[in-house]
């Protein structure tokens, strides 16, 4: 939500500055506003169970503006799954945080830090679309 609000205010600012200067909104100005919104997301692995969202944010905030820090929680047990994500407002901040924090201790455990990638592949959890169906559908021995 904060990203949408920030994007909206950047667009309004760009449009108002451009419309005052020449009466139109050039495409380059709009693309610049969108480019400013790019944020870098880091994957943080090896977190101890004692790390929460705020302590994760505190650990990385010295490298720049942290827009979000989230520890992933297991929905069944309510405990940390041992990894999380940190979003920075700039690629440079994320890059310096990754270089400095990868392999460093946080709350008693050495953490792994890398750029987050989009999850690809079939949905997790099994089911007909993932395992190829139930029963004998996949058998190829004449039965």
C-alpha atoms as a PDB file:
ATOM      1  CA  UNK A   1       0.000   0.000   0.000  1.00  0.00           C
ATOM      2  CA  UNK A   2       2.822   2.386   0.841  1.00  0.00           C
ATOM      3  CA  UNK A   3       4.369   1.686  -2.548  1.00  0.00           C
ATOM      4  CA  UNK A   4       1.110   2.627  -4.290  1.00  0.00           C
ATOM      5  CA  UNK A   5       0.846   5.849  -2.281  1.00  0.00           C
ATOM      6  CA  UNK A   6       4.438   6.739  -3.047  1.00  0.00           C
ATOM      7  CA  UNK A   7       3.960   5.942  -6.725  1.00  0.00           C
ATOM      8  CA  UNK A   8       0.855   8.132  -6.854  1.00  0.00           C
ATOM      9  CA  UNK A   9       2.582  11.083  -5.229  1.00  0.00           C
ATOM     10  CA  UNK A  10       5.582  10.755  -7.569  1.00  0.00           C
ATOM     11  CA  UNK A  11       3.284  10.665 -10.582  1.00  0.00           C
ATOM     12  CA  UNK A  12       1.322  13.713  -9.377  1.00  0.00           C
ATOM     13  CA  UNK A  13       4.564  15.590  -8.730  1.00  0.00           C
ATOM     14  CA  UNK A  14       5.948  14.690 -12.171  1.00  0.00           C
ATOM     15  CA  UNK A  15       2.715  15.602 -13.924  1.00  0.00           C
ATOM     16  CA  UNK A  16       2.357  18.921 -12.105  1.00  0.00           C
ATOM     17  CA  UNK A  17       5.978  19.915 -12.793  1.00  0.00           C
ATOM     18  CA  UNK A  18       5.730  18.970 -16.463  1.00  0.00           C
ATOM     19  CA  UNK A  19       2.334  20.554 -17.037  1.00  0.00           C
ATOM     20  CA  UNK A  20       3.468  23.843 -15.489  1.00  0.00           C
ATOM     21  CA  UNK A  21       6.580  23.979 -17.666  1.00  0.00           C
ATOM     22  CA  UNK A  22       5.123  23.122 -21.070  1.00  0.00           C
ATOM     23  CA  UNK A  23       1.460  22.210 -20.822  1.00  0.00           C
ATOM     24  CA  UNK A  24       1.961  18.461 -21.467  1.00  0.00           C
ATOM     25  CA  UNK A  25       3.275  15.389 -19.728  1.00  0.00           C
ATOM     26  CA  UNK A  26       6.139  13.897 -21.751  1.00  0.00           C
ATOM     27  CA  UNK A  27       6.475  10.116 -21.719  1.00  0.00           C
ATOM     28  CA  UNK A  28      10.107  10.332 -20.559  1.00  0.00           C
ATOM     29  CA  UNK A  29       9.054  12.094 -17.347  1.00  0.00           C
ATOM     30  CA  UNK A  30       6.482   9.436 -16.578  1.00  0.00           C
ATOM     31  CA  UNK A  31       9.019   6.668 -17.184  1.00  0.00           C
ATOM     32  CA  UNK A  32      11.523   8.422 -14.916  1.00  0.00           C
ATOM     33  CA  UNK A  33       8.946   8.521 -12.128  1.00  0.00           C
ATOM     34  CA  UNK A  34       8.305   4.801 -12.545  1.00  0.00           C
ATOM     35  CA  UNK A  35      12.043   4.042 -12.647  1.00  0.00           C
ATOM     36  CA  UNK A  36      12.492   5.875  -9.321  1.00  0.00           C
ATOM     37  CA  UNK A  37      10.021   3.448  -7.792  1.00  0.00           C
ATOM     38  CA  UNK A  38      12.140   0.387  -8.449  1.00  0.00           C
ATOM     39  CA  UNK A  39      13.035  -1.245  -5.190  1.00  0.00           C
ATOM     40  CA  UNK A  40      15.339  -4.120  -4.541  1.00  0.00           C
ATOM     41  CA  UNK A  41      14.261  -7.118  -2.540  1.00  0.00           C
ATOM     42  CA  UNK A  42      16.694  -9.281  -0.620  1.00  0.00           C
ATOM     43  CA  UNK A  43      16.154 -12.845   0.546  1.00  0.00           C
ATOM     44  CA  UNK A  44      17.444 -13.459   4.066  1.00  0.00           C
ATOM     45  CA  UNK A  45      17.962 -17.115   4.995  1.00  0.00           C
ATOM     46  CA  UNK A  46      19.154 -18.849   8.142  1.00  0.00           C
ATOM     47  CA  UNK A  47      17.241 -16.609  10.553  1.00  0.00           C
ATOM     48  CA  UNK A  48      16.940 -17.678  14.155  1.00  0.00           C
ATOM     49  CA  UNK A  49      13.477 -18.091  15.656  1.00  0.00           C
ATOM     50  CA  UNK A  50      14.043 -14.966  17.758  1.00  0.00           C
ATOM     51  CA  UNK A  51      14.153 -12.600  14.770  1.00  0.00           C
ATOM     52  CA  UNK A  52      10.923 -10.733  14.060  1.00  0.00           C
ATOM     53  CA  UNK A  53       9.989  -8.112  11.453  1.00  0.00           C
ATOM     54  CA  UNK A  54      11.231  -5.177  13.514  1.00  0.00           C
ATOM     55  CA  UNK A  55      14.589  -6.709  14.464  1.00  0.00           C
ATOM     56  CA  UNK A  56      15.145  -7.676  10.802  1.00  0.00           C
ATOM     57  CA  UNK A  57      14.411  -4.099   9.742  1.00  0.00           C
ATOM     58  CA  UNK A  58      16.722  -2.733  12.434  1.00  0.00           C
ATOM     59  CA  UNK A  59      19.556  -5.008  11.300  1.00  0.00           C
ATOM     60  CA  UNK A  60      19.373  -3.726   7.710  1.00  0.00           C
ATOM     61  CA  UNK A  61      18.326  -0.097   8.157  1.00  0.00           C
ATOM     62  CA  UNK A  62      21.911   1.129   8.475  1.00  0.00           C
ATOM     63  CA  UNK A  63      22.378   0.418   4.749  1.00  0.00           C
ATOM     64  CA  UNK A  64      19.559   2.654   3.557  1.00  0.00           C
ATOM     65  CA  UNK A  65      15.817   3.174   3.504  1.00  0.00           C
ATOM     66  CA  UNK A  66      14.114  -0.145   4.302  1.00  0.00           C
ATOM     67  CA  UNK A  67      10.592  -0.005   2.888  1.00  0.00           C
ATOM     68  CA  UNK A  68       9.557  -3.393   4.289  1.00  0.00           C
ATOM     69  CA  UNK A  69      11.068  -6.211   6.335  1.00  0.00           C
ATOM     70  CA  UNK A  70       9.136  -9.422   6.755  1.00  0.00           C
ATOM     71  CA  UNK A  71       9.944 -12.701   8.492  1.00  0.00           C
ATOM     72  CA  UNK A  72       7.914 -15.540   6.975  1.00  0.00           C
ATOM     73  CA  UNK A  73       5.795 -17.332   9.571  1.00  0.00           C
ATOM     74  CA  UNK A  74       4.521 -20.915   9.389  1.00  0.00           C
ATOM     75  CA  UNK A  75       0.732 -20.708   9.389  1.00  0.00           C
ATOM     76  CA  UNK A  76       0.289 -23.959  11.335  1.00  0.00           C
ATOM     77  CA  UNK A  77       2.794 -23.463  14.155  1.00  0.00           C
ATOM     78  CA  UNK A  78       3.006 -19.660  14.216  1.00  0.00           C
ATOM     79  CA  UNK A  79       6.821 -19.878  14.331  1.00  0.00           C
ATOM     80  CA  UNK A  80       9.323 -18.379  11.955  1.00  0.00           C
ATOM     81  CA  UNK A  81      10.179 -20.505   8.939  1.00  0.00           C
ATOM     82  CA  UNK A  82      13.781 -19.291   9.187  1.00  0.00           C
ATOM     83  CA  UNK A  83      13.781 -16.856   6.281  1.00  0.00           C
ATOM     84  CA  UNK A  84      12.459 -13.463   5.334  1.00  0.00           C
ATOM     85  CA  UNK A  85      12.665 -10.577   2.910  1.00  0.00           C
ATOM     86  CA  UNK A  86      13.913  -7.006   3.111  1.00  0.00           C
ATOM     87  CA  UNK A  87      12.870  -4.377   0.559  1.00  0.00           C
ATOM     88  CA  UNK A  88      15.037  -1.330  -0.004  1.00  0.00           C
ATOM     89  CA  UNK A  89      14.126   1.874  -1.809  1.00  0.00           C
ATOM     90  CA  UNK A  90      17.194   1.647  -4.060  1.00  0.00           C
ATOM     91  CA  UNK A  91      19.262  -0.997  -5.793  1.00  0.00           C
ATOM     92  CA  UNK A  92      22.474   0.496  -4.400  1.00  0.00           C
ATOM     93  CA  UNK A  93      21.314   0.153  -0.787  1.00  0.00           C
ATOM     94  CA  UNK A  94      20.266  -3.448  -1.361  1.00  0.00           C
ATOM     95  CA  UNK A  95      23.557  -4.290  -3.035  1.00  0.00           C
ATOM     96  CA  UNK A  96      25.649  -2.827  -0.220  1.00  0.00           C
ATOM     97  CA  UNK A  97      23.496  -4.570   2.405  1.00  0.00           C
ATOM     98  CA  UNK A  98      23.889  -7.893   0.618  1.00  0.00           C
ATOM     99  CA  UNK A  99      27.672  -7.515   0.408  1.00  0.00           C
ATOM    100  CA  UNK A 100      28.038  -6.517   4.027  1.00  0.00           C
ATOM    101  CA  UNK A 101      25.534  -8.856   5.693  1.00  0.00           C
ATOM    102  CA  UNK A 102      25.938 -12.146   3.810  1.00  0.00           C
ATOM    103  CA  UNK A 103      27.497 -14.654   6.209  1.00  0.00           C
ATOM    104  CA  UNK A 104      27.312 -12.312   9.204  1.00  0.00           C
ATOM    105  CA  UNK A 105      25.730 -13.291  12.534  1.00  0.00           C
ATOM    106  CA  UNK A 106      22.244 -12.071  13.412  1.00  0.00           C
ATOM    107  CA  UNK A 107      20.771 -13.151  16.729  1.00  0.00           C
ATOM    108  CA  UNK A 108      23.324 -15.954  17.080  1.00  0.00           C
ATOM    109  CA  UNK A 109      23.126 -17.432  13.555  1.00  0.00           C
ATOM    110  CA  UNK A 110      25.034 -16.650  10.391  1.00  0.00           C
ATOM    111  CA  UNK A 111      22.561 -15.446   7.787  1.00  0.00           C
ATOM    112  CA  UNK A 112      22.557 -15.859   4.008  1.00  0.00           C
ATOM    113  CA  UNK A 113      21.668 -12.791   1.982  1.00  0.00           C
ATOM    114  CA  UNK A 114      20.950 -12.754  -1.746  1.00  0.00           C
ATOM    115  CA  UNK A 115      18.740 -10.923  -4.202  1.00  0.00           C
ATOM    116  CA  UNK A 116      15.215 -12.345  -4.108  1.00  0.00           C
ATOM    117  CA  UNK A 117      13.935 -14.012  -7.250  1.00  0.00           C
ATOM    118  CA  UNK A 118      10.376 -14.650  -8.333  1.00  0.00           C
ATOM    119  CA  UNK A 119       9.162 -18.109  -7.505  1.00  0.00           C
ATOM    120  CA  UNK A 120       8.684 -20.175 -10.640  1.00  0.00           C
ATOM    121  CA  UNK A 121       7.257 -23.589 -11.245  1.00  0.00           C
ATOM    122  CA  UNK A 122       4.116 -25.461 -10.325  1.00  0.00           C
ATOM    123  CA  UNK A 123       2.174 -24.619  -7.192  1.00  0.00           C
ATOM    124  CA  UNK A 124       3.330 -26.324  -4.034  1.00  0.00           C
ATOM    125  CA  UNK A 125       1.291 -28.794  -2.080  1.00  0.00           C
ATOM    126  CA  UNK A 126       0.652 -31.605  -4.481  1.00  0.00           C
ATOM    127  CA  UNK A 127      -2.687 -32.303  -6.060  1.00  0.00           C
ATOM    128  CA  UNK A 128      -3.675 -33.493  -9.515  1.00  0.00           C
ATOM    129  CA  UNK A 129      -1.942 -30.713 -11.476  1.00  0.00           C
ATOM    130  CA  UNK A 130       1.341 -31.141  -9.650  1.00  0.00           C
ATOM    131  CA  UNK A 131       1.764 -34.898  -9.244  1.00  0.00           C
ATOM    132  CA  UNK A 132       0.157 -35.947 -12.504  1.00  0.00           C
ATOM    133  CA  UNK A 133      -3.151 -37.075 -11.047  1.00  0.00           C
ATOM    134  CA  UNK A 134      -4.426 -39.618  -8.605  1.00  0.00           C
ATOM    135  CA  UNK A 135      -4.872 -43.342  -8.904  1.00  0.00           C
ATOM    136  CA  UNK A 136      -3.621 -45.258 -11.919  1.00  0.00           C
ATOM    137  CA  UNK A 137      -3.769 -42.413 -14.471  1.00  0.00           C
ATOM    138  CA  UNK A 138      -0.011 -42.255 -14.863  1.00  0.00           C
ATOM    139  CA  UNK A 139       0.628 -45.982 -15.184  1.00  0.00           C
ATOM    140  CA  UNK A 140       1.872 -47.172 -18.518  1.00  0.00           C
ATOM    141  CA  UNK A 141       1.943 -50.930 -17.980  1.00  0.00           C
ATOM    142  CA  UNK A 142      -1.369 -51.909 -19.547  1.00  0.00           C
ATOM    143  CA  UNK A 143      -3.539 -51.827 -16.428  1.00  0.00           C
END
